[in-house]
Protein backbone atom coordinates (compact mmCIF):
# COMPACT_ATOMS: atom_id res chain seq x y z
CA MET A 1 -5.00 -5.62 -0.39
CA ASP A 2 -9.33 -7.67 0.58
CA PRO A 3 -7.45 -10.34 2.98
CA VAL A 4 -10.13 -12.46 0.80
CA GLN A 5 -8.09 -12.40 -2.47
CA PRO A 6 -5.17 -15.13 -0.81
CA ARG A 7 -8.07 -17.72 -0.36
CA GLN A 8 -10.09 -17.13 -3.48
CA ASP A 9 -6.28 -17.75 -5.23
CA GLU A 10 -5.71 -21.12 -3.21
CA ALA A 11 -9.49 -22.25 -4.38
CA ALA A 12 -8.15 -21.36 -8.19
CA LEU A 13 -5.11 -23.60 -7.47
CA ARG A 14 -7.05 -26.41 -6.14
CA PRO A 15 -8.94 -27.71 -9.44
CA ALA A 16 -5.29 -27.20 -11.34
CA PHE A 17 -4.03 -29.90 -8.58
CA GLY A 18 -6.54 -32.00 -9.21
CA ALA A 19 -5.97 -31.90 -13.37
CA GLY A 20 -2.81 -33.25 -12.08
CA GLU A 21 -3.26 -35.83 -10.25
CA THR A 22 -5.56 -37.02 -12.54
CA ALA A 23 -3.37 -36.90 -15.75
CA ARG A 24 -0.98 -38.87 -13.69
CA ALA A 25 -3.58 -42.02 -12.44
CA TRP A 26 -4.47 -42.09 -16.32
CA ARG A 27 -0.41 -42.59 -17.20
CA LEU A 28 -0.30 -45.34 -14.31
CA GLY A 29 -2.95 -47.05 -15.53
CA TRP A 30 -1.89 -46.88 -19.40
CA LEU A 31 1.34 -48.65 -17.63
CA ALA A 32 -0.25 -51.25 -15.66
CA ALA A 33 -2.51 -52.35 -18.18
CA ALA A 34 0.33 -52.82 -21.01
CA LEU A 35 2.23 -54.76 -18.57
CA LEU A 36 -1.36 -56.76 -17.35
CA ALA A 37 -1.92 -57.57 -21.16
CA GLY A 38 2.22 -58.32 -21.25
CA GLY A 39 1.43 -60.76 -18.64
CA ALA A 40 -2.07 -62.52 -20.39
CA VAL A 41 -0.56 -62.68 -23.96
CA SER A 42 2.56 -64.76 -22.11
CA PHE A 43 -0.39 -67.48 -20.99
CA THR A 44 -1.79 -67.17 -23.62
CA PRO A 45 -1.08 -70.32 -26.67
CA GLY A 46 -0.21 -69.32 -30.17
CA SER A 47 0.99 -65.56 -29.57
CA THR A 48 3.63 -64.61 -32.02
CA GLY A 49 6.18 -63.91 -29.81
CA TRP A 50 8.67 -60.17 -30.48
CA PRO A 51 6.15 -58.35 -32.90
CA ILE A 52 4.02 -58.47 -29.52
CA TRP A 53 6.36 -58.06 -26.96
CA THR A 54 7.78 -54.87 -28.85
CA ALA A 55 4.32 -53.54 -29.85
CA LEU A 56 3.42 -53.74 -25.72
CA LEU A 57 6.67 -51.88 -25.16
CA ALA A 58 6.55 -49.19 -27.77
CA GLY A 59 3.26 -48.19 -25.64
CA ALA A 60 4.84 -48.28 -22.54
CA LEU A 61 7.70 -46.44 -22.74
CA PRO A 62 5.77 -42.96 -23.34
CA ALA A 63 4.12 -43.61 -20.34
CA ILE A 64 6.86 -43.95 -18.83
CA ALA A 65 8.37 -41.39 -20.06
CA ALA A 66 5.34 -38.63 -18.85
CA LEU A 67 5.81 -39.87 -15.36
CA LEU A 68 9.19 -39.17 -15.24
CA LEU A 69 8.83 -35.54 -15.90
CA GLY A 70 5.96 -34.92 -14.74
CA ASP A 71 3.12 -32.09 -14.51
CA SER A 72 5.77 -30.00 -16.57
CA GLU A 73 4.41 -26.88 -18.07
CA ASP A 74 7.03 -25.98 -20.82
CA GLU A 75 5.99 -26.11 -24.18
CA ARG A 76 9.06 -27.94 -25.99
CA THR A 77 8.82 -30.42 -22.99
CA GLN A 78 5.29 -31.16 -23.57
CA SER A 79 5.57 -31.17 -27.40
CA LEU A 80 8.21 -33.62 -27.25
CA LEU A 81 5.42 -35.79 -25.01
CA LEU A 82 3.40 -36.35 -27.40
CA VAL A 83 5.65 -36.96 -30.60
CA GLY A 84 6.35 -39.57 -28.08
CA TRP A 85 3.10 -41.14 -27.32
CA ALA A 86 2.52 -40.63 -31.42
CA ALA A 87 5.72 -42.53 -32.51
CA GLY A 88 4.97 -45.51 -29.86
CA GLY A 89 0.89 -45.71 -30.93
CA ALA A 90 2.28 -46.01 -34.36
CA VAL A 91 4.81 -48.75 -33.52
CA ALA A 92 2.42 -50.64 -31.69
CA ALA A 93 0.01 -50.57 -34.66
CA ALA A 94 2.21 -51.54 -37.22
CA LEU A 95 3.78 -54.03 -35.32
CA THR A 96 0.06 -55.58 -34.74
CA GLY A 97 -1.69 -55.20 -37.96
CA GLY A 98 -1.79 -51.71 -38.77
CA VAL A 99 -4.97 -49.41 -38.77
CA SER A 100 -6.96 -52.70 -39.36
CA GLY A 101 -5.23 -54.66 -36.57
CA ALA A 102 -5.87 -55.15 -32.95
CA MET A 103 -3.54 -52.10 -31.37
CA SER A 104 -4.55 -50.17 -34.33
CA ALA A 105 -6.73 -47.80 -31.62
CA TRP A 106 -3.12 -46.53 -29.82
CA CYS A 107 -3.02 -44.10 -32.86
CA LEU A 108 -5.05 -42.05 -31.04
CA ALA A 109 -2.72 -41.96 -27.74
CA PRO A 110 -1.78 -38.65 -28.36
CA VAL A 111 -4.63 -36.75 -28.20
CA ALA A 112 -5.25 -38.72 -25.42
CA ALA A 113 -2.71 -37.56 -23.79
CA ALA A 114 -2.91 -34.09 -25.15
CA SER A 115 -6.13 -34.26 -23.40
CA THR A 116 -5.33 -34.65 -20.12
CA LEU A 117 -1.86 -31.56 -19.97
CA ALA A 118 -2.91 -28.22 -18.54
CA ALA A 119 -3.02 -26.48 -21.89
CA PRO A 120 -6.28 -27.40 -24.18
CA ARG A 121 -4.43 -25.45 -27.22
CA ARG A 122 -2.17 -28.44 -27.11
CA LEU A 123 -5.62 -31.23 -28.94
CA ALA A 124 -5.06 -29.74 -32.49
CA GLU A 125 -1.25 -30.40 -31.85
CA GLY A 126 -2.02 -34.08 -30.70
CA ALA A 127 -4.61 -34.88 -33.42
CA ALA A 128 -1.82 -33.85 -35.76
CA LEU A 129 0.52 -36.08 -34.84
CA ALA A 130 -2.19 -39.23 -34.13
CA LEU A 131 -3.26 -38.53 -38.24
CA ILE A 132 1.04 -38.55 -39.19
CA GLY A 133 1.23 -41.98 -36.66
CA GLY A 134 -2.07 -42.83 -38.10
CA ALA A 135 -0.62 -42.45 -41.50
CA MET A 136 2.39 -44.46 -40.81
CA ALA A 137 0.82 -47.07 -39.52
CA ALA A 138 -1.53 -47.94 -42.69
CA LEU A 139 1.79 -47.26 -45.19
CA THR A 140 3.17 -49.77 -42.79
CA GLN A 141 0.47 -52.52 -43.39
CA LEU A 142 -0.37 -51.66 -47.62
CA SER A 143 3.45 -52.34 -48.28
CA GLY A 144 3.69 -55.50 -46.70
CA LEU A 145 6.25 -54.67 -43.74
CA ALA A 146 4.44 -55.39 -40.76
CA PRO A 147 4.14 -58.86 -39.52
CA PRO A 148 1.10 -60.96 -39.24
CA PRO A 149 -1.45 -59.74 -37.42
CA PRO A 150 -2.28 -61.50 -34.09
CA THR A 151 -5.74 -63.89 -33.93
CA GLY A 152 -7.36 -65.57 -31.63
CA PRO A 153 -7.24 -64.82 -27.61
CA THR A 154 -4.19 -62.28 -28.38
CA ALA A 155 -5.73 -60.36 -30.23
CA PHE A 156 -9.30 -59.68 -28.13
CA ILE A 157 -6.54 -58.70 -25.30
CA LEU A 158 -4.18 -56.62 -27.38
CA GLY A 159 -7.44 -55.07 -29.24
CA PHE A 160 -9.29 -54.64 -25.30
CA LEU A 161 -6.25 -52.94 -24.24
CA ALA A 162 -5.80 -50.64 -26.85
CA VAL A 163 -8.93 -49.24 -26.03
CA ALA A 164 -9.91 -49.01 -22.90
CA THR A 165 -6.20 -47.78 -22.21
CA THR A 166 -7.40 -44.92 -25.16
CA GLY A 167 -10.87 -44.67 -24.08
CA LEU A 168 -9.96 -43.73 -20.45
CA GLY A 169 -7.67 -41.27 -21.71
CA LEU A 170 -10.33 -39.56 -23.78
CA ALA A 171 -12.39 -39.42 -20.94
CA ALA A 172 -10.34 -38.39 -18.38
CA GLY A 173 -9.46 -35.56 -21.13
CA LEU A 174 -13.23 -34.94 -21.67
CA MET A 175 -14.23 -34.68 -17.98
CA LEU A 176 -10.67 -32.24 -16.85
CA THR A 177 -11.89 -29.99 -19.80
CA HIS A 178 -15.47 -29.79 -17.75
CA ARG A 179 -14.25 -29.38 -15.12
CA ARG A 180 -12.06 -26.53 -16.18
CA ALA A 181 -14.62 -24.98 -17.88
CA GLY A 182 -17.02 -25.37 -14.76
CA GLU A 183 -13.77 -23.57 -12.48
CA ARG A 184 -13.67 -21.02 -15.03
CA ASP A 185 -16.88 -20.53 -15.22
CA VAL A 186 -17.39 -19.86 -11.07
CA ARG A 187 -14.39 -17.63 -11.33
CA ASN A 188 -15.70 -15.38 -13.96
CA LEU A 189 -18.61 -15.56 -12.15
CA SER A 190 -16.89 -14.80 -8.73
CA GLU A 191 -15.15 -12.22 -10.60
CA LEU A 192 -18.14 -10.67 -12.37
CA THR A 193 -19.92 -10.46 -8.73
CA ALA A 194 -17.18 -8.41 -7.33
CA LEU A 195 -16.90 -6.30 -9.80
CA SER A 196 -20.43 -5.60 -10.14
CA THR A 197 -20.35 -4.99 -6.37
CA LEU A 198 -17.49 -3.27 -6.73
CA LEU A 199 -19.03 -0.58 -9.32
CA ASP A 200 -22.61 -0.40 -7.43
CA GLY A 201 -21.00 0.73 -4.44
CA LEU A 202 -18.81 3.66 -6.15
CA PRO A 203 -19.15 6.56 -4.25
CA PHE A 204 -20.34 8.24 -7.45
CA LEU A 205 -22.14 7.98 -10.33
CA ALA A 206 -20.98 6.13 -13.62
CA PHE A 207 -22.56 6.47 -16.58
CA VAL A 208 -22.92 5.71 -20.60
CA VAL A 209 -24.64 8.14 -22.43
CA THR A 210 -25.53 8.95 -25.95
CA LEU A 211 -25.18 11.96 -28.47
CA GLN A 212 -28.58 12.84 -27.49
CA GLY A 213 -27.90 13.14 -24.20
CA ARG A 214 -29.31 9.33 -22.85
CA VAL A 215 -27.94 7.78 -20.07
CA ARG A 216 -28.30 4.31 -21.05
CA THR A 217 -26.16 2.33 -18.13
CA VAL A 218 -25.50 3.44 -14.83
CA ARG A 219 -22.98 2.18 -12.06
CA GLY A 220 -22.67 3.64 -8.39
CA VAL A 221 -24.46 5.45 -6.21
CA ALA A 222 -25.95 9.30 -7.47
CA PRO A 223 -25.19 12.28 -5.57
CA GLU A 224 -27.75 14.48 -3.35
CA GLY A 225 -29.65 16.50 -5.09
CA ALA A 226 -29.44 14.51 -8.25
CA ALA A 227 -32.52 12.70 -8.73
CA LEU A 228 -31.95 9.29 -10.83
CA ASP A 229 -35.38 8.80 -11.95
CA ARG A 230 -35.66 12.11 -13.62
CA ILE A 231 -31.55 12.19 -15.06
CA MET A 232 -32.95 8.11 -16.71
CA ILE A 233 -36.22 9.42 -18.11
CA ASP A 234 -35.49 13.61 -19.05
CA GLY A 235 -31.67 13.11 -20.05
CA LEU A 236 -28.73 14.09 -18.20
CA SER A 237 -28.86 18.00 -18.80
CA HIS A 238 -32.09 17.75 -15.97
CA ALA A 239 -28.86 16.77 -13.55
CA ALA A 240 -28.79 20.19 -13.00
CA VAL A 241 -30.90 23.65 -12.08
CA ALA A 242 -32.80 24.64 -15.29
CA GLY A 243 -30.23 27.65 -16.24
CA GLU A 244 -27.24 25.72 -16.41
CA ARG A 245 -28.57 22.86 -18.33
CA ALA A 246 -27.35 24.56 -21.75
CA ARG A 247 -24.17 24.56 -20.09
CA VAL A 248 -24.23 20.40 -19.61
CA ASP A 249 -26.12 19.91 -23.69
CA PHE A 250 -22.46 22.23 -24.75
CA ALA A 251 -20.53 20.19 -22.55
CA LEU A 252 -22.12 16.77 -24.79
CA GLY A 253 -20.70 18.52 -27.24
CA GLN A 254 -17.35 19.42 -26.31
CA ALA A 255 -16.39 16.41 -25.80
CA LEU A 256 -17.58 14.77 -28.32
CA ARG A 257 -15.39 17.10 -30.45
CA GLU A 258 -12.39 17.23 -28.12
CA HIS A 259 -13.06 14.04 -26.43
CA GLN A 260 -13.49 15.13 -22.98
CA ALA A 261 -15.26 17.78 -21.20
CA THR A 262 -15.61 19.36 -17.38
CA LEU A 263 -18.31 21.00 -15.34
CA THR A 264 -19.23 21.88 -12.24
CA PHE A 265 -22.30 23.18 -11.38
CA PRO A 266 -25.63 23.69 -8.39
CA ALA A 267 -27.81 20.19 -7.96
CA ALA A 268 -31.25 20.82 -9.84
CA GLU A 269 -33.41 19.19 -6.26
CA ALA A 270 -30.83 20.45 -3.78
CA PRO A 271 -29.23 24.07 -5.04
CA GLU A 272 -26.88 24.34 -2.19
CA LYS A 273 -25.12 21.07 -3.65
CA THR A 274 -22.15 21.79 -6.08
CA LEU A 275 -22.05 18.95 -8.69
CA SER A 276 -18.86 18.21 -11.05
CA LEU A 277 -19.47 16.28 -13.96
CA THR A 278 -16.58 14.97 -16.42
CA LEU A 279 -17.44 12.97 -19.93
CA ARG A 280 -15.11 11.56 -22.41
CA ARG A 281 -15.38 9.82 -25.72
CA VAL A 282 -15.06 6.13 -25.90
CA GLY A 283 -16.37 5.60 -29.19
CA PRO A 284 -18.04 7.25 -32.48
CA GLY A 285 -21.69 8.27 -31.24
CA MET A 286 -20.41 7.09 -27.13
CA LEU A 287 -19.40 8.76 -24.16
CA VAL A 288 -18.79 7.60 -20.58
CA GLY A 289 -18.80 9.91 -17.80
CA VAL A 290 -18.50 10.56 -13.70
CA LEU A 291 -21.34 12.65 -11.43
CA ARG A 292 -19.84 13.49 -8.39
CA ASP A 293 -20.44 15.84 -5.34
CA VAL A 294 -17.74 18.08 -4.74
CA THR A 295 -19.50 20.52 -2.39
CA ALA A 296 -16.77 20.02 0.12
CA GLU A 297 -13.82 20.28 -2.08
CA THR A 298 -15.55 23.77 -3.98
CA ARG A 299 -16.24 25.04 -0.53
CA HIS A 300 -12.88 24.54 0.43
CA LEU A 301 -11.37 26.14 -2.62
CA GLN A 302 -13.14 28.74 -1.73
CA GLN A 303 -12.25 29.15 1.82
CA LEU A 304 -8.35 28.95 0.65
CA ASP A 305 -9.16 31.72 -2.04
CA GLN A 306 -10.30 33.78 0.78
CA ALA A 307 -7.60 33.19 2.81
CA ARG A 308 -5.02 34.29 -0.36
CA ASN A 309 -6.57 37.71 -0.75
CA ASP A 310 -7.36 38.40 3.26
CA ALA A 311 -3.55 37.60 3.55
CA GLU A 312 -2.52 39.81 -0.10
CA GLN A 313 -4.26 42.54 1.95
CA LEU A 314 -2.58 41.95 4.85
CA ALA A 315 0.47 42.14 3.48
CA ALA A 316 -0.33 45.04 1.38
CA GLY A 317 -1.53 46.94 4.50
CA ARG A 318 1.51 46.34 6.22
CA ALA A 319 3.42 48.03 3.24
CA ARG A 320 0.77 50.66 3.02
CA PHE A 321 1.43 51.37 6.56
CA LEU A 322 5.37 50.86 6.60
CA ALA A 323 5.47 53.18 3.48
CA ASN A 324 3.41 55.93 4.89
CA MET A 325 5.05 56.12 8.14
CA SER A 326 8.22 57.34 6.36
CA HIS A 327 8.17 60.87 7.68
CA GLU A 328 7.43 60.21 11.21
CA LEU A 329 10.19 57.15 11.57
CA ARG A 330 12.84 59.80 9.87
CA THR A 331 11.98 62.46 11.74
CA PRO A 332 13.04 61.51 15.32
CA LEU A 333 16.37 60.06 13.67
CA ASN A 334 17.28 63.29 12.28
CA ALA A 335 16.92 64.87 15.43
CA ILE A 336 19.09 61.75 17.21
CA MET A 337 21.46 62.63 14.45
CA GLY A 338 21.37 66.69 14.45
CA PHE A 339 22.14 66.88 18.21
CA SER A 340 24.56 64.18 18.16
CA ASP A 341 26.21 66.11 15.57
CA ILE A 342 25.99 69.36 17.52
CA MET A 343 27.25 67.45 20.70
CA ARG A 344 30.35 66.30 18.64
CA ALA A 345 31.42 69.69 17.20
CA ARG A 346 31.55 71.22 21.15
CA MET A 347 29.00 73.76 19.78
CA PHE A 348 28.47 75.14 22.89
CA GLY A 349 31.17 74.16 25.00
CA PRO A 350 33.88 71.21 25.51
CA LEU A 351 32.93 67.67 26.63
CA THR A 352 34.60 65.27 28.49
CA ASP A 353 36.35 62.23 26.71
CA ARG A 354 33.96 59.99 27.44
CA TYR A 355 30.91 62.34 26.94
CA GLY A 356 32.46 62.72 23.40
CA GLU A 357 33.09 59.08 22.97
CA TYR A 358 29.36 58.49 23.69
CA ALA A 359 27.85 61.43 21.22
CA GLU A 360 30.09 59.52 18.28
CA LEU A 361 28.82 56.54 19.15
CA ILE A 362 24.90 57.58 19.23
CA HIS A 363 25.56 59.32 16.25
CA GLU A 364 27.34 56.20 14.53
CA SER A 365 23.98 53.96 15.79
CA GLY A 366 21.53 56.56 14.61
CA ARG A 367 22.87 56.44 10.54
CA HIS A 368 22.92 52.78 10.76
CA LEU A 369 19.13 52.69 12.15
CA LEU A 370 18.36 55.16 9.48
CA ASP A 371 19.55 52.82 6.84
CA LEU A 372 17.83 49.85 7.85
CA ILE A 373 15.24 51.92 8.54
CA ASN A 374 14.95 53.40 4.58
CA ASP A 375 16.01 50.45 3.16
CA VAL A 376 12.40 48.77 4.81
CA LEU A 377 10.73 52.16 3.97
CA ASP A 378 12.14 51.51 0.58
CA MET A 379 11.01 47.95 -0.13
CA SER A 380 7.55 48.39 1.41
CA LYS A 381 6.80 51.57 -0.43
CA ILE A 382 7.62 49.00 -3.96
CA GLU A 383 6.31 46.20 -3.01
CA ALA A 384 2.86 48.73 -2.24
CA GLU A 385 4.06 50.00 -6.10
CA ARG A 386 4.45 53.60 -4.38
CA PHE A 387 7.99 53.70 -5.33
CA GLU A 388 8.27 56.83 -8.14
CA LEU A 389 11.80 57.37 -9.44
CA SER A 390 13.89 61.27 -9.69
CA ARG A 391 14.36 60.59 -13.02
CA GLY A 392 17.20 62.83 -14.21
CA GLU A 393 20.40 62.94 -16.35
CA PHE A 394 24.06 63.50 -14.88
CA ASP A 395 27.39 61.04 -14.96
CA ALA A 396 27.05 58.10 -13.89
CA ARG A 397 30.75 57.47 -12.49
CA GLU A 398 29.63 60.63 -9.78
CA ALA A 399 27.30 58.29 -8.40
CA VAL A 400 29.34 55.39 -8.22
CA ASN A 401 32.46 57.63 -6.96
CA ALA A 402 29.75 59.03 -4.47
CA ALA A 403 29.39 55.13 -2.95
CA MET A 404 32.23 54.41 -3.08
CA ARG A 405 33.25 57.64 -0.76
CA LEU A 406 30.79 56.60 2.40
CA LEU A 407 32.29 52.63 2.42
CA ARG A 408 36.02 53.87 2.09
CA VAL A 409 35.86 54.07 6.41
CA GLN A 410 34.35 50.75 6.17
CA ALA A 411 36.63 49.07 4.00
CA ASP A 412 39.61 50.11 6.15
CA SER A 413 38.40 49.04 9.01
CA VAL A 414 37.72 45.68 8.11
CA GLY A 415 40.87 45.46 5.92
CA VAL A 416 39.76 45.20 2.80
CA GLN A 417 41.24 46.52 -0.40
CA LEU A 418 38.11 48.45 -2.57
CA ARG A 419 38.97 49.43 -6.30
CA GLY A 420 36.72 51.42 -8.45
CA VAL A 421 37.30 51.08 -12.51
CA LEU A 422 35.52 53.57 -14.20
CA PRO A 423 35.94 54.80 -17.23
CA PRO A 424 38.25 57.98 -18.33
CA GLY A 425 34.78 59.36 -20.34
CA GLU A 426 31.44 61.19 -19.05
CA LEU A 427 28.90 58.64 -18.61
CA ASP A 428 25.63 60.23 -19.27
CA VAL A 429 22.57 58.15 -17.85
CA ASP A 430 18.85 59.12 -17.66
CA ALA A 431 17.83 57.44 -14.14
CA ASP A 432 16.98 58.02 -10.58
CA ARG A 433 20.77 59.44 -8.68
CA ARG A 434 19.80 57.99 -5.78
CA ALA A 435 18.45 54.85 -6.61
CA LEU A 436 21.60 54.29 -8.60
CA LYS A 437 24.04 55.39 -5.49
CA GLN A 438 21.47 53.07 -3.30
CA ILE A 439 22.83 50.19 -5.94
CA VAL A 440 26.39 50.98 -5.41
CA LEU A 441 26.18 51.42 -1.39
CA ASN A 442 24.60 48.18 -1.25
CA LEU A 443 26.30 45.95 -3.78
CA VAL A 444 29.70 47.55 -1.88
CA SER A 445 28.70 46.96 1.21
CA ASN A 446 27.40 43.17 0.88
CA ALA A 447 30.32 42.63 -0.85
CA LEU A 448 32.50 44.01 2.01
CA LYS A 449 30.34 41.99 4.86
CA PHE A 450 31.43 38.47 3.38
CA THR A 451 35.10 39.55 1.84
CA PRO A 452 38.04 38.51 4.62
CA ARG A 453 40.72 40.85 5.69
CA GLY A 454 43.16 40.93 3.06
CA GLY A 455 40.35 40.58 0.16
CA GLN A 456 39.71 43.08 -2.45
CA VAL A 457 36.13 44.61 -3.93
CA THR A 458 36.62 45.70 -7.52
CA VAL A 459 33.08 47.70 -8.92
CA THR A 460 32.95 48.34 -12.23
CA ALA A 461 31.03 50.63 -14.08
CA ASP A 462 30.90 50.79 -17.45
CA GLY A 463 28.07 51.31 -21.23
CA HIS A 464 27.86 49.93 -24.68
CA ASP A 465 24.81 49.55 -27.01
CA GLY A 466 22.63 51.67 -24.59
CA MET A 467 23.23 50.02 -21.22
CA LEU A 468 24.76 50.75 -18.26
CA GLU A 469 26.66 48.17 -16.38
CA ILE A 470 27.54 47.48 -12.85
CA VAL A 471 29.67 45.49 -11.21
CA VAL A 472 30.67 44.63 -8.01
CA ALA A 473 33.16 41.94 -7.65
CA ASP A 474 34.90 40.49 -3.88
CA THR A 475 37.02 37.65 -3.36
CA GLY A 476 35.53 36.90 -0.25
CA VAL A 477 33.97 33.18 1.23
CA GLY A 478 31.43 32.86 -2.13
CA ILE A 479 27.65 31.63 -1.59
CA SER A 480 26.53 28.01 -2.00
CA PRO A 481 24.03 26.72 -4.18
CA GLU A 482 21.18 26.58 -1.98
CA ASP A 483 21.71 30.45 -0.68
CA LEU A 484 22.17 31.52 -4.07
CA GLU A 485 18.78 30.43 -5.19
CA ARG A 486 17.25 32.36 -2.44
CA LEU A 487 18.98 35.66 -2.93
CA GLY A 488 17.11 37.89 -4.23
CA ARG A 489 13.79 37.89 -2.48
CA PRO A 490 13.39 40.32 0.17
CA TYR A 491 14.22 39.80 3.78
CA GLU A 492 16.62 36.75 2.27
CA GLN A 493 19.66 36.75 3.74
CA ALA A 494 22.83 33.63 3.76
CA GLY A 495 26.27 33.31 5.60
CA GLY A 496 26.68 32.56 8.98
CA VAL A 497 24.97 33.83 12.12
CA ASP A 498 27.33 36.56 12.61
CA GLN A 499 27.08 37.96 8.85
CA ARG A 500 23.12 37.64 8.95
CA ALA A 501 23.11 39.44 12.26
CA ARG A 502 24.32 42.90 10.61
CA GLY A 503 21.69 43.05 8.03
CA THR A 504 17.94 42.76 7.52
CA GLY A 505 18.15 40.82 4.14
CA LEU A 506 16.87 43.80 1.72
CA GLY A 507 20.07 44.43 0.33
CA LEU A 508 20.14 42.43 -2.28
CA SER A 509 15.98 42.72 -2.94
CA LEU A 510 15.73 46.47 -3.56
CA VAL A 511 19.02 46.12 -6.18
CA ARG A 512 17.15 44.27 -8.24
CA ALA A 513 13.71 46.04 -7.44
CA PHE A 514 15.64 49.11 -8.58
CA ALA A 515 17.69 48.13 -11.37
CA GLN A 516 14.16 46.66 -12.58
CA LEU A 517 12.25 50.26 -12.05
CA HIS A 518 14.86 50.95 -14.95
CA GLY A 519 14.31 48.43 -17.10
CA GLY A 520 17.25 46.27 -15.96
CA GLU A 521 18.48 42.89 -14.24
CA MET A 522 20.56 41.36 -11.64
CA HIS A 523 22.36 38.49 -12.47
CA VAL A 524 24.66 37.00 -9.16
CA GLU A 525 27.26 34.47 -9.83
CA SER A 526 29.55 32.55 -7.06
CA ARG A 527 31.11 29.29 -5.78
CA LEU A 528 32.08 29.15 -2.44
CA GLY A 529 35.89 29.51 -1.47
CA ALA A 530 35.93 31.56 -4.68
CA GLY A 531 34.60 34.72 -4.24
CA THR A 532 31.29 36.40 -5.66
CA SER A 533 30.31 38.16 -9.02
CA VAL A 534 26.75 40.79 -9.19
CA SER A 535 26.24 42.34 -12.42
CA VAL A 536 23.10 44.96 -12.59
CA ARG A 537 22.25 46.26 -16.74
CA MET A 538 19.94 49.03 -17.11
CA PRO A 539 19.10 50.85 -20.29
CA ILE A 540 19.42 53.97 -18.80
CA LEU A 541 22.73 55.04 -21.58
CA LEU A 542 21.61 58.63 -23.01
CA ALA A 543 25.13 58.16 -25.38
CA ALA A 544 27.72 56.19 -25.68
CA PRO A 545 31.24 57.08 -23.70
CA LYS A 546 32.76 60.30 -24.23
CA PRO A 547 36.70 59.81 -24.78
CA ALA A 548 38.36 61.67 -22.04
CA ALA A 549 39.91 65.45 -21.95
CA THR A 550 43.17 65.45 -23.75
CA GLN A 551 45.76 67.90 -22.64
CA GLU A 552 45.20 70.78 -25.75
CA SER A 553 41.71 71.24 -23.80
CA PRO A 554 42.60 72.48 -20.90
CA THR A 555 38.83 73.16 -20.14
CA ALA A 556 37.51 69.67 -20.55
CA THR A 557 40.65 68.23 -17.93
CA ALA A 558 39.28 70.49 -15.19
CA ASP A 559 36.05 69.30 -15.79
CA ALA A 560 36.92 65.85 -16.01
CA MET A 561 36.59 63.81 -12.61
CA GLU A 562 39.36 63.76 -10.32
CA PRO A 563 40.35 60.18 -8.76
CA LEU A 564 38.95 59.80 -4.93
CA PHE A 565 42.45 59.12 -4.10
CA ALA A 566 45.77 60.28 -5.77
CA PRO A 567 48.16 56.94 -6.66
CA SER A 568 51.52 56.90 -3.80
CA SER A 569 54.98 56.66 -5.08
CA ASP A 570 54.92 53.29 -2.47
CA ASP A 571 51.88 52.45 -5.73
CA GLN A 572 54.06 53.41 -8.45
CA ALA A 573 56.60 51.97 -7.77
CA GLY A 574 55.57 48.88 -5.54
CA GLU A 575 54.63 45.62 -6.99
CA GLU A 576 51.38 47.07 -8.55
CA PRO A 577 51.86 49.71 -11.34
CA PHE A 578 49.40 52.91 -11.63
CA LEU A 579 46.70 51.66 -13.67
CA GLY A 580 45.68 55.80 -14.53
CA GLU A 581 42.94 57.97 -13.41
CA ASN A 582 40.12 55.85 -14.26
CA VAL A 583 41.10 53.36 -11.50
CA ILE A 584 40.00 54.11 -7.47
CA ARG A 585 41.77 52.12 -5.19
CA PHE A 586 41.77 51.91 -1.34
CA ALA A 587 44.17 50.68 0.51
CA PRO A 588 44.19 49.76 4.35
CA PRO A 589 46.84 50.53 6.16
CA ARG A 590 49.49 47.76 6.92
């Protein structure tokens, strides 16, 4: 806020305080004049008695009430005070001869009182009350109910009192009104000056423009490159270079039709400068506009666009580099794993136990590193839009079985039960076999990583309406809502530090990418402490699942898929019954 503003507010309050003092002085003067008149009448021979004293008291009571209530801004209080002034003046006039009597001027008391209030709109109310009070005094006089009017010196004293007090009140009200008008004019002039200074100091050009493009009223500072004199004489379009003037004229028409328009163009006097024009319709044939220099903003946006393009090109180059490095990275790893296999098989002679253990570690580490590299390379190819599906027709259960066989050892080592629920009939699909297998591997591996010992991971595959649906559900720790929002994006991981250290954060993003390449989608549902369920649905099913082979068809029985592990007698007799050949169960040793 401008520091000058408080001083302006204080200056605005001072006149109101002066008006209140003037009104209070007039009320005190009214009351004092009534008391002096009472004293003078008491020493005047031939006074008529109680009507005069009652008239003086009726005129003094409104002044006392006004002094006690002060300068109240309550509208109801002000109205009651004006009614009191009207009643007091009417009673005084009626008791001293009516409208032709000595104190008839007090009928104008509500007008005088209203003129001294801070609300000039009360003048009409005061005038109406004065008219009513005068009418009552006239009716009293005409009906003969009024006492005889005073005469001689008493009439002069009372008449002088009424005229003086009422005249002074009207004069005070007139002065206050004039003072308020002057102060209001001063405030308005000050506000207009401040507004004019503000508009003239704007760092852009604001103007009013007609239908013909003529600029009428201009405020602010014209931007560099726009000649104000030329704009005022030749029209708004001459703020732009010659080749852009048609666009400015079109923007004028657009603003008239659509109420607003915005465009940018090179300045006429400095083509290296970029000007921005904003137009808005404010009337049937009137537009207001703003013309400003946006050269720095335009240059900054161009730099941001260039930086974004550079970043995108860098990311694309990185993805292409990693995709092209597939052979160079995989070849030495395959050699390492091949040599470690030879050592494990002891093809050239026996090895000590320690060397055999080292060979196992080399093979295990190589396999883990190869898996990580495959994930990175697959994601790089997908980002570089160079990943191509090798589609073919096959039974989806085979890919699911193969993936679960590979993860059996991992499930046993962490003490998690791994179940597979597959239909007894074939699930013929048209898809990339490796991608489908990778989907199951990534989902089950993720589930095993987040499921504590003694938990369970269930893999379900089914098909309907041309859709293959794979669901991997676990009884693990679950995923927080914050992590759930990030999952599925490349290199994003959830869980604690130990869990994040066991992967690259590409598992779910690869699953989503493979599903989308097949025209499908992935959904994740999870809650902390209640496990996680990931479902993948892809439109790759060739036909409805075929029914299971019966005993009457030996050939079909022989071709039917065998379970990974036959149920044991303990399974059949234990707490958990055997669920059929379509249920595959891995159980860690107890």
